[in-house]
Amino acid sequence: MAFIMYMDAIQKRQLGELNYVCPESLLRSIQPMMEAIRQRPEAAKSLSKECLEKYHGGSLASMLKHILAKQMAGFHVEISIHAKEFEDSDCVIRAVIGDGDTYYKLVQLKHLPCHEVNDESDIQVTIEKLKYKYAGRIVSIWINRNIELNFKQLRLDGLQAEQLWFFGDYLENTVLATSLRGGFVVDLTAGIWREAIMRNGKIQISN
């Protein structure tokens, strides 16, 4: 199950006391500001870190909800997000499954900016900075540039994160689409990943 995470009773109680919101509601609250980034990727540097992380975390949670619902067909799945830092994580995703079983995931949000902002970094450089950290957590990298993502070319040895996801917007036949690709690190190393694509507000799970 994608959201099982081992934690002590104190931390679980602390996570349960946080304020969680529906990811779609969170995304609607920042939609006007994010439209500027879609039109001009370099505009991301002018937005606050809080706004960018709400967009990244909200999109991640929304698309993970559909991926998890497909994996657990027949069970009720409800996903919500605490879109603020908790301990040293950037946000927390909560999953309520079935008759009320509740799970939490601490999430790290990373960003690969467009070439105009930083032309020296790339995906592998970003991954190298993640190694030997974030054990058991979800790590999501927002790719804000045009690239061809090839999992077979990525070196993932040394990653302690449980899951690694790549998130980004792109044009598909003049239609803006949002993609989330990734999964469990152990699966990625075996060439297995999940993908969700959002077009016109509708999310499709491709594998």
N, C-alpha and C. Protein backbone atom coordinates (compact mmCIF):
# COMPACT_ATOMS: atom_id res chain seq x y z
N MET A 1 0.86 -1.20 0.00
CA MET A 1 0.00 0.00 0.00
C MET A 1 0.89 1.24 0.00
N ALA A 2 0.60 2.20 -0.84
CA ALA A 2 1.50 3.31 -1.10
C ALA A 2 1.65 4.27 0.08
N PHE A 3 0.76 4.23 1.07
CA PHE A 3 0.82 5.26 2.11
C PHE A 3 1.12 4.71 3.49
N ILE A 4 1.49 3.45 3.61
CA ILE A 4 1.90 2.96 4.91
C ILE A 4 3.24 3.59 5.28
N MET A 5 3.32 4.13 6.48
CA MET A 5 4.57 4.72 6.95
C MET A 5 4.69 4.43 8.43
N TYR A 6 5.81 3.87 8.82
CA TYR A 6 6.01 3.53 10.22
C TYR A 6 6.44 4.76 11.00
N MET A 7 5.72 5.04 12.09
CA MET A 7 6.02 6.20 12.92
C MET A 7 5.57 5.90 14.33
N ASP A 8 6.13 6.64 15.29
CA ASP A 8 5.75 6.40 16.66
C ASP A 8 4.41 7.07 16.96
N ALA A 9 3.84 6.71 18.10
CA ALA A 9 2.50 7.19 18.45
C ALA A 9 2.46 8.70 18.62
N ILE A 10 3.53 9.29 19.13
CA ILE A 10 3.55 10.74 19.33
C ILE A 10 3.51 11.46 17.99
N GLN A 11 4.35 11.03 17.04
CA GLN A 11 4.35 11.69 15.74
C GLN A 11 3.01 11.50 15.03
N LYS A 12 2.42 10.32 15.13
CA LYS A 12 1.13 10.09 14.48
C LYS A 12 0.06 11.00 15.07
N ARG A 13 0.10 11.22 16.40
CA ARG A 13 -0.86 12.12 17.02
C ARG A 13 -0.64 13.55 16.55
N GLN A 14 0.62 13.96 16.44
CA GLN A 14 0.93 15.30 15.96
C GLN A 14 0.45 15.49 14.52
N LEU A 15 0.65 14.49 13.69
CA LEU A 15 0.19 14.59 12.30
C LEU A 15 -1.32 14.66 12.23
N GLY A 16 -1.99 13.93 13.12
CA GLY A 16 -3.44 13.94 13.13
C GLY A 16 -4.03 15.27 13.56
N GLU A 17 -3.26 16.07 14.28
CA GLU A 17 -3.75 17.37 14.76
C GLU A 17 -3.54 18.51 13.76
N LEU A 18 -2.85 18.23 12.66
CA LEU A 18 -2.61 19.26 11.64
C LEU A 18 -3.89 19.56 10.86
N ASN A 19 -3.90 20.72 10.21
CA ASN A 19 -5.04 21.10 9.38
C ASN A 19 -4.81 20.61 7.94
N TYR A 20 -5.77 19.86 7.41
CA TYR A 20 -5.67 19.31 6.07
C TYR A 20 -6.78 19.87 5.18
N VAL A 21 -6.47 20.04 3.90
CA VAL A 21 -7.45 20.56 2.95
C VAL A 21 -7.47 19.67 1.72
N CYS A 22 -8.57 19.75 1.01
CA CYS A 22 -8.69 19.04 -0.27
C CYS A 22 -7.70 19.64 -1.26
N PRO A 23 -6.88 18.83 -1.95
CA PRO A 23 -5.88 19.39 -2.87
C PRO A 23 -6.49 20.22 -3.99
N GLU A 24 -7.66 19.83 -4.47
CA GLU A 24 -8.30 20.60 -5.55
C GLU A 24 -8.70 21.99 -5.07
N SER A 25 -9.16 22.10 -3.83
CA SER A 25 -9.50 23.42 -3.28
C SER A 25 -8.25 24.28 -3.13
N LEU A 26 -7.15 23.66 -2.72
CA LEU A 26 -5.90 24.37 -2.58
C LEU A 26 -5.45 24.92 -3.94
N LEU A 27 -5.56 24.12 -4.98
CA LEU A 27 -5.13 24.54 -6.31
C LEU A 27 -6.00 25.67 -6.85
N ARG A 28 -7.29 25.61 -6.57
CA ARG A 28 -8.18 26.69 -7.03
C ARG A 28 -7.82 28.03 -6.38
N SER A 29 -7.34 27.98 -5.15
CA SER A 29 -7.03 29.22 -4.43
C SER A 29 -5.83 29.96 -5.02
N ILE A 30 -4.96 29.25 -5.74
CA ILE A 30 -3.77 29.89 -6.31
C ILE A 30 -3.76 29.87 -7.83
N GLN A 31 -4.87 29.50 -8.44
CA GLN A 31 -4.92 29.34 -9.89
C GLN A 31 -4.50 30.59 -10.67
N PRO A 32 -4.98 31.79 -10.30
CA PRO A 32 -4.58 32.98 -11.08
C PRO A 32 -3.06 33.19 -11.12
N MET A 33 -2.40 32.98 -10.00
CA MET A 33 -0.95 33.19 -9.96
C MET A 33 -0.21 32.14 -10.78
N MET A 34 -0.72 30.91 -10.81
CA MET A 34 -0.02 29.86 -11.51
C MET A 34 -0.20 29.97 -13.02
N GLU A 35 -1.24 30.63 -13.47
CA GLU A 35 -1.41 30.83 -14.90
C GLU A 35 -0.25 31.63 -15.48
N ALA A 36 0.29 32.54 -14.69
CA ALA A 36 1.42 33.35 -15.16
C ALA A 36 2.63 32.47 -15.43
N ILE A 37 2.86 31.46 -14.59
CA ILE A 37 4.00 30.56 -14.78
C ILE A 37 3.81 29.72 -16.03
N ARG A 38 2.59 29.27 -16.26
CA ARG A 38 2.34 28.44 -17.44
C ARG A 38 2.62 29.21 -18.72
N GLN A 39 2.34 30.50 -18.71
CA GLN A 39 2.59 31.32 -19.89
C GLN A 39 4.07 31.71 -20.00
N ARG A 40 4.70 31.96 -18.86
CA ARG A 40 6.10 32.38 -18.84
C ARG A 40 6.82 31.67 -17.70
N PRO A 41 7.48 30.51 -17.98
CA PRO A 41 8.13 29.72 -16.93
C PRO A 41 9.12 30.52 -16.09
N GLU A 42 9.79 31.50 -16.70
CA GLU A 42 10.77 32.28 -15.95
C GLU A 42 10.12 33.13 -14.86
N ALA A 43 8.78 33.29 -14.93
CA ALA A 43 8.07 34.08 -13.92
C ALA A 43 8.04 33.38 -12.57
N ALA A 44 8.42 32.09 -12.54
CA ALA A 44 8.40 31.34 -11.27
C ALA A 44 9.28 31.99 -10.22
N LYS A 45 10.37 32.62 -10.65
CA LYS A 45 11.30 33.19 -9.68
C LYS A 45 10.71 34.40 -8.96
N SER A 46 9.61 34.97 -9.49
CA SER A 46 9.00 36.13 -8.86
C SER A 46 7.91 35.75 -7.85
N LEU A 47 7.51 34.48 -7.82
CA LEU A 47 6.48 34.04 -6.90
C LEU A 47 7.09 33.57 -5.59
N SER A 48 6.31 33.62 -4.55
CA SER A 48 6.80 33.22 -3.24
C SER A 48 7.00 31.71 -3.18
N LYS A 49 7.91 31.27 -2.32
CA LYS A 49 8.15 29.84 -2.11
C LYS A 49 6.87 29.15 -1.64
N GLU A 50 6.10 29.84 -0.81
CA GLU A 50 4.85 29.26 -0.30
C GLU A 50 3.87 28.98 -1.43
N CYS A 51 3.74 29.92 -2.37
CA CYS A 51 2.81 29.74 -3.49
C CYS A 51 3.25 28.58 -4.38
N LEU A 52 4.53 28.52 -4.69
CA LEU A 52 5.05 27.46 -5.54
C LEU A 52 4.87 26.09 -4.89
N GLU A 53 5.08 26.02 -3.59
CA GLU A 53 4.95 24.74 -2.92
C GLU A 53 3.49 24.32 -2.78
N LYS A 54 2.58 25.27 -2.68
CA LYS A 54 1.16 24.93 -2.67
C LYS A 54 0.75 24.32 -4.01
N TYR A 55 1.24 24.91 -5.10
CA TYR A 55 0.92 24.39 -6.43
C TYR A 55 1.52 22.99 -6.61
N HIS A 56 2.78 22.86 -6.26
CA HIS A 56 3.48 21.58 -6.41
C HIS A 56 2.85 20.50 -5.53
N GLY A 57 2.70 20.81 -4.24
CA GLY A 57 2.14 19.83 -3.31
C GLY A 57 0.68 19.50 -3.61
N GLY A 58 -0.11 20.52 -3.96
CA GLY A 58 -1.51 20.29 -4.29
C GLY A 58 -1.68 19.43 -5.53
N SER A 59 -0.87 19.70 -6.55
CA SER A 59 -0.93 18.90 -7.78
C SER A 59 -0.49 17.47 -7.52
N LEU A 60 0.58 17.32 -6.74
CA LEU A 60 1.05 15.98 -6.38
C LEU A 60 -0.04 15.19 -5.67
N ALA A 61 -0.64 15.79 -4.65
CA ALA A 61 -1.67 15.10 -3.87
C ALA A 61 -2.88 14.75 -4.72
N SER A 62 -3.30 15.68 -5.58
CA SER A 62 -4.47 15.43 -6.42
C SER A 62 -4.24 14.27 -7.38
N MET A 63 -3.06 14.22 -7.99
CA MET A 63 -2.80 13.16 -8.96
C MET A 63 -2.49 11.83 -8.28
N LEU A 64 -1.85 11.88 -7.10
CA LEU A 64 -1.63 10.64 -6.36
C LEU A 64 -2.95 10.01 -5.92
N LYS A 65 -3.94 10.85 -5.67
CA LYS A 65 -5.26 10.33 -5.28
C LYS A 65 -5.82 9.41 -6.37
N HIS A 66 -5.68 9.83 -7.62
CA HIS A 66 -6.19 9.03 -8.73
C HIS A 66 -5.36 7.77 -8.94
N ILE A 67 -4.04 7.89 -8.77
CA ILE A 67 -3.18 6.71 -8.91
C ILE A 67 -3.51 5.69 -7.83
N LEU A 68 -3.65 6.16 -6.58
CA LEU A 68 -3.94 5.26 -5.47
C LEU A 68 -5.32 4.64 -5.61
N ALA A 69 -6.30 5.44 -6.09
CA ALA A 69 -7.65 4.92 -6.26
C ALA A 69 -7.68 3.78 -7.29
N LYS A 70 -6.85 3.90 -8.33
CA LYS A 70 -6.78 2.83 -9.33
C LYS A 70 -6.12 1.60 -8.74
N GLN A 71 -5.08 1.80 -7.94
CA GLN A 71 -4.39 0.67 -7.31
C GLN A 71 -5.30 -0.07 -6.33
N MET A 72 -6.21 0.69 -5.70
CA MET A 72 -7.06 0.12 -4.65
C MET A 72 -8.53 0.15 -5.08
N ALA A 73 -8.77 -0.27 -6.31
CA ALA A 73 -10.13 -0.31 -6.84
C ALA A 73 -11.05 -1.07 -5.90
N GLY A 74 -12.21 -0.49 -5.64
CA GLY A 74 -13.16 -1.10 -4.73
C GLY A 74 -13.12 -0.54 -3.33
N PHE A 75 -12.09 0.24 -3.01
CA PHE A 75 -11.97 0.89 -1.71
C PHE A 75 -12.17 2.40 -1.87
N HIS A 76 -12.80 3.00 -0.88
CA HIS A 76 -12.92 4.46 -0.86
C HIS A 76 -11.55 5.05 -0.53
N VAL A 77 -11.12 6.04 -1.31
CA VAL A 77 -9.83 6.69 -1.10
C VAL A 77 -10.04 8.20 -1.00
N GLU A 78 -9.59 8.78 0.09
CA GLU A 78 -9.69 10.23 0.29
C GLU A 78 -8.30 10.78 0.61
N ILE A 79 -7.87 11.75 -0.19
CA ILE A 79 -6.54 12.34 -0.01
C ILE A 79 -6.69 13.81 0.36
N SER A 80 -5.92 14.24 1.35
CA SER A 80 -5.89 15.67 1.71
C SER A 80 -4.45 16.05 2.02
N ILE A 81 -4.20 17.35 2.12
CA ILE A 81 -2.83 17.82 2.27
C ILE A 81 -2.73 18.90 3.33
N HIS A 82 -1.69 18.82 4.12
CA HIS A 82 -1.29 19.90 5.02
C HIS A 82 -0.18 20.64 4.28
N ALA A 83 -0.50 21.79 3.71
CA ALA A 83 0.39 22.47 2.77
C ALA A 83 1.37 23.41 3.47
N LYS A 84 1.86 22.98 4.61
CA LYS A 84 2.87 23.75 5.34
C LYS A 84 3.94 22.79 5.85
N GLU A 85 5.05 23.35 6.29
CA GLU A 85 6.13 22.51 6.78
C GLU A 85 5.72 21.80 8.07
N PHE A 86 6.19 20.57 8.20
CA PHE A 86 6.04 19.82 9.44
C PHE A 86 7.40 19.20 9.73
N GLU A 87 7.96 19.53 10.91
CA GLU A 87 9.33 19.13 11.21
C GLU A 87 10.22 19.62 10.06
N ASP A 88 10.93 18.73 9.37
CA ASP A 88 11.77 19.20 8.27
C ASP A 88 11.21 18.82 6.90
N SER A 89 9.92 18.47 6.85
CA SER A 89 9.28 18.17 5.57
C SER A 89 8.57 19.41 5.04
N ASP A 90 8.31 19.44 3.73
CA ASP A 90 7.68 20.61 3.11
C ASP A 90 6.16 20.58 3.23
N CYS A 91 5.59 19.38 3.28
CA CYS A 91 4.14 19.24 3.46
C CYS A 91 3.86 17.81 3.89
N VAL A 92 2.60 17.55 4.20
CA VAL A 92 2.18 16.20 4.62
C VAL A 92 0.94 15.83 3.82
N ILE A 93 0.95 14.63 3.28
CA ILE A 93 -0.23 14.11 2.58
C ILE A 93 -0.88 13.05 3.47
N ARG A 94 -2.21 13.17 3.63
CA ARG A 94 -2.96 12.21 4.43
C ARG A 94 -3.88 11.39 3.52
N ALA A 95 -3.89 10.09 3.72
CA ALA A 95 -4.77 9.20 2.97
C ALA A 95 -5.71 8.49 3.94
N VAL A 96 -6.99 8.58 3.67
CA VAL A 96 -8.00 7.83 4.43
C VAL A 96 -8.57 6.79 3.47
N ILE A 97 -8.42 5.52 3.82
CA ILE A 97 -8.74 4.43 2.91
C ILE A 97 -9.75 3.50 3.55
N GLY A 98 -10.69 3.05 2.73
CA GLY A 98 -11.68 2.08 3.20
C GLY A 98 -12.59 2.65 4.25
N ASP A 99 -12.68 1.99 5.39
CA ASP A 99 -13.60 2.39 6.46
C ASP A 99 -13.01 3.42 7.41
N GLY A 100 -11.90 4.01 7.04
CA GLY A 100 -11.33 5.05 7.88
C GLY A 100 -9.89 4.85 8.28
N ASP A 101 -9.23 3.83 7.72
CA ASP A 101 -7.81 3.65 8.00
C ASP A 101 -7.05 4.87 7.50
N THR A 102 -6.25 5.48 8.36
CA THR A 102 -5.59 6.74 8.04
C THR A 102 -4.08 6.57 8.01
N TYR A 103 -3.48 7.10 6.96
CA TYR A 103 -2.03 7.01 6.77
C TYR A 103 -1.49 8.40 6.43
N TYR A 104 -0.23 8.63 6.76
CA TYR A 104 0.41 9.92 6.51
C TYR A 104 1.73 9.71 5.78
N LYS A 105 2.07 10.67 4.92
CA LYS A 105 3.36 10.66 4.25
C LYS A 105 3.98 12.05 4.35
N LEU A 106 5.22 12.09 4.85
CA LEU A 106 5.98 13.34 4.83
C LEU A 106 6.55 13.50 3.43
N VAL A 107 6.50 14.74 2.92
CA VAL A 107 6.84 15.00 1.51
C VAL A 107 7.91 16.08 1.42
N GLN A 108 8.88 15.82 0.55
CA GLN A 108 9.89 16.83 0.20
C GLN A 108 9.63 17.30 -1.22
N LEU A 109 9.54 18.61 -1.40
CA LEU A 109 9.28 19.20 -2.71
C LEU A 109 10.55 19.86 -3.23
N LYS A 110 11.00 19.42 -4.39
CA LYS A 110 12.20 19.97 -5.01
C LYS A 110 11.84 20.58 -6.36
N HIS A 111 12.75 21.40 -6.87
CA HIS A 111 12.45 22.15 -8.09
C HIS A 111 13.66 22.19 -9.01
N LEU A 112 13.46 21.78 -10.26
CA LEU A 112 14.47 21.95 -11.30
C LEU A 112 14.00 23.11 -12.17
N PRO A 113 14.56 24.31 -12.00
CA PRO A 113 14.04 25.50 -12.69
C PRO A 113 14.36 25.49 -14.17
N CYS A 114 13.75 26.41 -14.89
CA CYS A 114 14.00 26.53 -16.32
C CYS A 114 15.44 26.98 -16.57
N HIS A 115 15.92 26.81 -17.79
CA HIS A 115 17.30 27.14 -18.13
C HIS A 115 17.59 28.62 -17.90
N GLU A 116 16.56 29.47 -18.09
CA GLU A 116 16.78 30.90 -17.91
C GLU A 116 17.12 31.25 -16.46
N VAL A 117 16.62 30.45 -15.53
CA VAL A 117 16.88 30.69 -14.11
C VAL A 117 18.17 30.02 -13.66
N ASN A 118 18.38 28.78 -14.08
CA ASN A 118 19.59 28.05 -13.70
C ASN A 118 19.93 27.06 -14.80
N ASP A 119 20.95 27.37 -15.57
CA ASP A 119 21.32 26.54 -16.70
C ASP A 119 22.34 25.47 -16.33
N GLU A 120 22.83 25.49 -15.09
CA GLU A 120 23.90 24.58 -14.69
C GLU A 120 23.38 23.27 -14.11
N SER A 121 22.14 23.27 -13.61
CA SER A 121 21.60 22.07 -12.96
C SER A 121 20.87 21.20 -13.98
N ASP A 122 20.69 19.93 -13.65
CA ASP A 122 19.89 19.02 -14.45
C ASP A 122 19.26 17.99 -13.52
N ILE A 123 18.52 17.03 -14.07
CA ILE A 123 17.82 16.06 -13.23
C ILE A 123 18.78 15.24 -12.38
N GLN A 124 19.84 14.75 -12.99
CA GLN A 124 20.75 13.89 -12.23
C GLN A 124 21.44 14.67 -11.11
N VAL A 125 21.81 15.91 -11.36
CA VAL A 125 22.40 16.75 -10.31
C VAL A 125 21.41 16.90 -9.16
N THR A 126 20.14 17.12 -9.49
CA THR A 126 19.10 17.27 -8.47
C THR A 126 18.95 15.98 -7.67
N ILE A 127 18.97 14.83 -8.34
CA ILE A 127 18.84 13.54 -7.65
C ILE A 127 20.03 13.29 -6.73
N GLU A 128 21.23 13.65 -7.18
CA GLU A 128 22.42 13.43 -6.35
C GLU A 128 22.30 14.14 -5.01
N LYS A 129 21.66 15.31 -4.99
CA LYS A 129 21.50 16.07 -3.76
C LYS A 129 20.51 15.41 -2.79
N LEU A 130 19.71 14.47 -3.31
CA LEU A 130 18.70 13.80 -2.49
C LEU A 130 19.22 12.55 -1.81
N LYS A 131 20.36 12.06 -2.25
CA LYS A 131 20.83 10.77 -1.80
C LYS A 131 21.22 10.78 -0.31
N TYR A 132 20.92 9.64 0.33
CA TYR A 132 21.24 9.41 1.75
C TYR A 132 20.44 10.34 2.67
N LYS A 133 19.28 10.80 2.17
CA LYS A 133 18.38 11.63 2.98
C LYS A 133 16.94 11.19 2.73
N TYR A 134 16.04 11.68 3.57
CA TYR A 134 14.60 11.54 3.38
C TYR A 134 14.13 10.08 3.40
N ALA A 135 14.66 9.29 4.29
CA ALA A 135 14.29 7.87 4.38
C ALA A 135 12.79 7.71 4.59
N GLY A 136 12.17 6.86 3.78
CA GLY A 136 10.76 6.54 3.93
C GLY A 136 9.79 7.60 3.43
N ARG A 137 10.30 8.66 2.83
CA ARG A 137 9.42 9.77 2.44
C ARG A 137 9.13 9.79 0.94
N ILE A 138 8.19 10.63 0.57
CA ILE A 138 7.94 10.94 -0.83
C ILE A 138 8.78 12.15 -1.20
N VAL A 139 9.49 12.05 -2.32
CA VAL A 139 10.19 13.20 -2.88
C VAL A 139 9.61 13.47 -4.26
N SER A 140 9.24 14.71 -4.52
CA SER A 140 8.71 15.10 -5.83
C SER A 140 9.55 16.24 -6.39
N ILE A 141 9.97 16.10 -7.64
CA ILE A 141 10.77 17.12 -8.31
C ILE A 141 9.93 17.79 -9.40
N TRP A 142 9.73 19.08 -9.27
CA TRP A 142 9.01 19.86 -10.28
C TRP A 142 10.01 20.24 -11.37
N ILE A 143 9.80 19.71 -12.57
CA ILE A 143 10.66 20.00 -13.71
C ILE A 143 10.05 21.14 -14.51
N ASN A 144 10.69 22.30 -14.46
CA ASN A 144 10.15 23.49 -15.09
C ASN A 144 10.95 23.82 -16.37
N ARG A 145 11.13 22.80 -17.21
CA ARG A 145 11.84 22.98 -18.47
C ARG A 145 11.47 21.84 -19.42
N ASN A 146 11.76 22.01 -20.69
CA ASN A 146 11.45 20.99 -21.68
C ASN A 146 12.58 19.96 -21.74
N ILE A 147 12.28 18.73 -21.31
CA ILE A 147 13.28 17.67 -21.34
C ILE A 147 12.59 16.36 -21.69
N GLU A 148 13.37 15.37 -22.07
CA GLU A 148 12.87 14.02 -22.29
C GLU A 148 13.27 13.19 -21.07
N LEU A 149 12.28 12.75 -20.30
CA LEU A 149 12.55 12.01 -19.07
C LEU A 149 12.71 10.53 -19.38
N ASN A 150 13.89 9.99 -19.11
CA ASN A 150 14.18 8.59 -19.38
C ASN A 150 14.67 7.93 -18.08
N PHE A 151 13.81 7.13 -17.46
CA PHE A 151 14.15 6.52 -16.18
C PHE A 151 15.37 5.61 -16.28
N LYS A 152 15.56 4.98 -17.43
CA LYS A 152 16.67 4.04 -17.58
C LYS A 152 18.03 4.75 -17.51
N GLN A 153 18.05 6.06 -17.75
CA GLN A 153 19.30 6.80 -17.73
C GLN A 153 19.60 7.42 -16.37
N LEU A 154 18.65 7.33 -15.44
CA LEU A 154 18.84 7.95 -14.13
C LEU A 154 19.57 7.01 -13.18
N ARG A 155 20.49 7.56 -12.43
CA ARG A 155 21.22 6.79 -11.42
C ARG A 155 20.56 7.04 -10.06
N LEU A 156 19.89 6.03 -9.56
CA LEU A 156 19.09 6.18 -8.34
C LEU A 156 19.72 5.50 -7.13
N ASP A 157 20.91 4.90 -7.30
CA ASP A 157 21.56 4.25 -6.18
C ASP A 157 21.84 5.27 -5.07
N GLY A 158 21.62 4.87 -3.84
CA GLY A 158 21.84 5.77 -2.71
C GLY A 158 20.61 6.52 -2.26
N LEU A 159 19.52 6.45 -3.03
CA LEU A 159 18.29 7.13 -2.61
C LEU A 159 17.64 6.37 -1.46
N GLN A 160 17.32 7.08 -0.39
CA GLN A 160 16.64 6.47 0.74
C GLN A 160 15.16 6.83 0.77
N ALA A 161 14.75 7.75 -0.07
CA ALA A 161 13.32 8.08 -0.17
C ALA A 161 12.56 6.83 -0.62
N GLU A 162 11.34 6.70 -0.14
CA GLU A 162 10.53 5.54 -0.54
C GLU A 162 10.00 5.72 -1.96
N GLN A 163 9.54 6.95 -2.26
CA GLN A 163 8.96 7.22 -3.57
C GLN A 163 9.62 8.46 -4.19
N LEU A 164 9.77 8.43 -5.51
CA LEU A 164 10.31 9.55 -6.27
C LEU A 164 9.39 9.84 -7.43
N TRP A 165 8.94 11.11 -7.51
CA TRP A 165 8.01 11.52 -8.56
C TRP A 165 8.56 12.74 -9.30
N PHE A 166 8.23 12.81 -10.59
CA PHE A 166 8.61 13.95 -11.42
C PHE A 166 7.34 14.61 -11.94
N PHE A 167 7.24 15.89 -11.73
CA PHE A 167 6.02 16.65 -12.00
C PHE A 167 6.34 17.82 -12.93
N GLY A 168 5.44 18.10 -13.87
CA GLY A 168 5.69 19.25 -14.74
C GLY A 168 4.55 19.51 -15.71
N ASP A 169 4.52 20.72 -16.25
CA ASP A 169 3.54 21.12 -17.25
C ASP A 169 4.19 21.11 -18.63
N TYR A 170 3.39 20.81 -19.66
CA TYR A 170 3.90 20.83 -21.03
C TYR A 170 2.74 21.03 -22.00
N LEU A 171 3.06 21.44 -23.21
CA LEU A 171 2.06 21.62 -24.25
C LEU A 171 1.91 20.35 -25.05
N GLU A 172 0.67 19.93 -25.26
CA GLU A 172 0.35 18.74 -26.03
C GLU A 172 -0.67 19.13 -27.09
N ASN A 173 -0.17 19.33 -28.32
CA ASN A 173 -1.05 19.79 -29.41
C ASN A 173 -1.81 21.06 -29.02
N THR A 174 -1.07 22.01 -28.51
CA THR A 174 -1.56 23.35 -28.08
C THR A 174 -2.39 23.29 -26.80
N VAL A 175 -2.60 22.12 -26.24
CA VAL A 175 -3.36 21.98 -24.99
C VAL A 175 -2.37 21.80 -23.84
N LEU A 176 -2.53 22.60 -22.79
CA LEU A 176 -1.65 22.49 -21.64
C LEU A 176 -1.98 21.24 -20.84
N ALA A 177 -0.99 20.42 -20.59
CA ALA A 177 -1.16 19.20 -19.82
C ALA A 177 -0.18 19.20 -18.65
N THR A 178 -0.55 18.48 -17.59
CA THR A 178 0.32 18.32 -16.43
C THR A 178 0.58 16.84 -16.24
N SER A 179 1.84 16.49 -16.06
CA SER A 179 2.23 15.08 -15.95
C SER A 179 2.88 14.81 -14.60
N LEU A 180 2.58 13.63 -14.06
CA LEU A 180 3.26 13.13 -12.86
C LEU A 180 3.72 11.71 -13.17
N ARG A 181 5.03 11.49 -13.12
CA ARG A 181 5.59 10.18 -13.41
C ARG A 181 6.53 9.76 -12.29
N GLY A 182 6.50 8.49 -11.95
CA GLY A 182 7.40 8.02 -10.90
C GLY A 182 6.80 6.85 -10.16
N GLY A 183 7.18 6.71 -8.89
CA GLY A 183 6.67 5.62 -8.08
C GLY A 183 7.66 5.26 -6.98
N PHE A 184 7.57 4.02 -6.52
CA PHE A 184 8.51 3.54 -5.51
C PHE A 184 9.90 3.45 -6.12
N VAL A 185 10.90 3.89 -5.38
CA VAL A 185 12.27 3.88 -5.90
C VAL A 185 12.68 2.47 -6.30
N VAL A 186 12.30 1.46 -5.51
CA VAL A 186 12.65 0.09 -5.83
C VAL A 186 12.04 -0.34 -7.16
N ASP A 187 10.85 0.17 -7.49
CA ASP A 187 10.23 -0.14 -8.78
C ASP A 187 10.91 0.62 -9.92
N LEU A 188 11.27 1.86 -9.66
CA LEU A 188 11.91 2.66 -10.70
C LEU A 188 13.23 2.02 -11.14
N THR A 189 13.97 1.48 -10.18
CA THR A 189 15.24 0.84 -10.52
C THR A 189 15.02 -0.42 -11.36
N ALA A 190 13.80 -0.98 -11.29
CA ALA A 190 13.46 -2.16 -12.08
C ALA A 190 12.76 -1.79 -13.38
N GLY A 191 12.66 -0.48 -13.66
CA GLY A 191 12.03 -0.04 -14.90
C GLY A 191 10.52 0.03 -14.85
N ILE A 192 9.94 0.11 -13.65
CA ILE A 192 8.48 0.16 -13.48
C ILE A 192 8.10 1.51 -12.89
N TRP A 193 7.17 2.22 -13.52
CA TRP A 193 6.72 3.49 -12.97
C TRP A 193 5.24 3.71 -13.27
N ARG A 194 4.66 4.67 -12.59
CA ARG A 194 3.27 5.07 -12.78
C ARG A 194 3.24 6.44 -13.44
N GLU A 195 2.14 6.72 -14.13
CA GLU A 195 2.02 8.04 -14.76
C GLU A 195 0.57 8.51 -14.71
N ALA A 196 0.40 9.77 -14.35
CA ALA A 196 -0.90 10.42 -14.38
C ALA A 196 -0.77 11.68 -15.22
N ILE A 197 -1.74 11.95 -16.07
CA ILE A 197 -1.73 13.13 -16.93
C ILE A 197 -3.04 13.87 -16.74
N MET A 198 -2.95 15.18 -16.51
CA MET A 198 -4.14 16.00 -16.35
C MET A 198 -4.30 16.92 -17.56
N ARG A 199 -5.45 16.85 -18.21
CA ARG A 199 -5.78 17.70 -19.34
C ARG A 199 -7.16 18.30 -19.10
N ASN A 200 -7.26 19.61 -19.21
CA ASN A 200 -8.56 20.30 -19.03
C ASN A 200 -9.23 19.91 -17.71
N GLY A 201 -8.41 19.75 -16.66
CA GLY A 201 -8.96 19.45 -15.34
C GLY A 201 -9.29 17.99 -15.10
N LYS A 202 -9.10 17.13 -16.12
CA LYS A 202 -9.40 15.71 -15.96
C LYS A 202 -8.11 14.91 -15.91
N ILE A 203 -8.03 13.98 -14.97
CA ILE A 203 -6.82 13.20 -14.75
C ILE A 203 -7.00 11.79 -15.30
N GLN A 204 -6.02 11.36 -16.08
CA GLN A 204 -6.02 10.03 -16.67
C GLN A 204 -4.79 9.27 -16.19
N ILE A 205 -4.98 8.04 -15.78
CA ILE A 205 -3.88 7.18 -15.34
C ILE A 205 -3.52 6.28 -16.53
N SER A 206 -2.28 6.39 -16.98
CA SER A 206 -1.89 5.67 -18.18
C SER A 206 -1.29 4.31 -17.91
N ASN A 207 -0.75 4.07 -16.71
CA ASN A 207 -0.22 2.75 -16.38
C ASN A 207 -0.13 2.59 -14.85
